[in-house]
Amino acid sequence: MSVQKLDTPLISHLRSEEKLKARIKQECENLASSPCKVATRYDPDWGYVYEVKVDAGARKALEANLKLQEKFPGVPIVVEWTG
């Protein structure tokens, strides 16, 4: 029985995606002053898209979205709110 290893560039890429996801979550929680959840999905046109759910109202979510766009230029971030 053999175990297939992931290649090093793929592992590095996955680690960097997780680091970016964690940074987006932390920054969102600081901006919105409330819990945020971040999920990633792959889009063939955009690459990795970060879907952020903010436990806040529309105004706070919009402010957080604008600040996240400034903080992470070129990173596709979509913000939804639940409050």
Protein backbone atom coordinates (compact mmCIF):
# COMPACT_ATOMS: atom_id res chain seq x y z
CA MET A 1 0.00 0.00 0.00
CA SER A 2 1.51 3.31 -1.04
CA VAL A 3 0.71 6.77 0.16
CA GLN A 4 0.55 9.51 -2.42
CA LYS A 5 2.34 12.64 -1.27
CA LEU A 6 1.24 16.12 -2.24
CA ASP A 7 3.85 18.08 -4.12
CA THR A 8 5.62 20.88 -2.24
CA PRO A 9 4.25 23.79 -4.34
CA LEU A 10 0.69 22.59 -3.72
CA ILE A 11 1.29 22.30 0.02
CA SER A 12 2.83 25.79 0.11
CA HIS A 13 -0.11 27.16 -1.87
CA LEU A 14 -2.65 25.58 0.48
CA ARG A 15 -0.81 26.93 3.51
CA SER A 16 -0.71 30.45 2.05
CA GLU A 17 -4.45 30.28 1.30
CA GLU A 18 -5.15 29.27 4.91
CA LYS A 19 -2.93 32.08 6.20
CA LEU A 20 -4.72 34.62 4.03
CA LYS A 21 -8.10 33.25 5.14
CA ALA A 22 -7.05 33.66 8.79
CA ARG A 23 -5.80 37.21 8.17
CA ILE A 24 -9.07 38.19 6.46
CA LYS A 25 -11.07 36.73 9.36
CA GLN A 26 -9.01 38.56 11.97
CA GLU A 27 -9.15 41.86 10.09
CA CYS A 28 -12.91 41.54 9.53
CA GLU A 29 -13.54 40.87 13.22
CA ASN A 30 -11.46 43.92 14.15
CA LEU A 31 -13.29 46.13 11.66
CA ALA A 32 -16.82 44.93 12.41
CA SER A 33 -16.29 44.38 16.15
CA SER A 34 -18.21 41.12 15.80
CA PRO A 35 -17.61 37.48 14.81
CA CYS A 36 -16.88 36.68 11.16
CA LYS A 37 -16.73 33.39 9.29
CA VAL A 38 -14.61 33.00 6.19
CA ALA A 39 -14.99 30.28 3.57
CA THR A 40 -13.06 29.85 0.36
CA ARG A 41 -14.18 28.50 -2.95
CA TYR A 42 -12.39 28.22 -6.24
CA ASP A 43 -13.79 30.03 -9.27
CA PRO A 44 -12.25 29.31 -12.68
CA ASP A 45 -12.32 33.00 -13.63
CA TRP A 46 -11.40 34.63 -10.30
CA GLY A 47 -9.29 31.98 -8.58
CA TYR A 48 -9.89 31.67 -4.85
CA VAL A 49 -12.83 33.76 -3.65
CA TYR A 50 -13.15 34.51 0.05
CA GLU A 51 -16.75 34.54 1.28
CA VAL A 52 -17.06 36.41 4.56
CA LYS A 53 -20.15 36.29 6.79
CA VAL A 54 -20.32 39.08 9.34
CA ASP A 55 -22.56 38.98 12.39
CA ALA A 56 -23.48 42.66 11.97
CA GLY A 57 -25.91 44.96 10.21
CA ALA A 58 -25.65 46.10 6.60
CA ARG A 59 -23.83 49.34 7.42
CA LYS A 60 -21.07 47.65 9.46
CA ALA A 61 -20.75 44.92 6.84
CA LEU A 62 -20.39 47.46 4.02
CA GLU A 63 -17.77 49.39 5.98
CA ALA A 64 -15.88 46.17 6.69
CA ASN A 65 -16.13 45.17 3.01
CA LEU A 66 -14.67 48.48 1.82
CA LYS A 67 -11.83 48.32 4.34
CA LEU A 68 -11.08 44.69 3.46
CA GLN A 69 -10.89 45.66 -0.24
CA GLU A 70 -8.37 48.38 0.67
CA LYS A 71 -6.37 46.07 2.94
CA PHE A 72 -6.29 43.15 0.46
CA PRO A 73 -6.21 44.68 -3.05
CA GLY A 74 -6.72 42.19 -5.84
CA VAL A 75 -8.14 39.52 -3.52
CA PRO A 76 -11.76 38.62 -4.41
CA ILE A 77 -13.70 39.08 -1.15
CA VAL A 78 -17.49 38.83 -0.89
CA VAL A 79 -19.11 40.03 2.35
CA GLU A 80 -22.55 38.97 3.59
CA TRP A 81 -24.18 40.06 6.83
CA THR A 82 -26.44 38.23 9.23
CA GLY A 83 -27.52 40.99 11.61
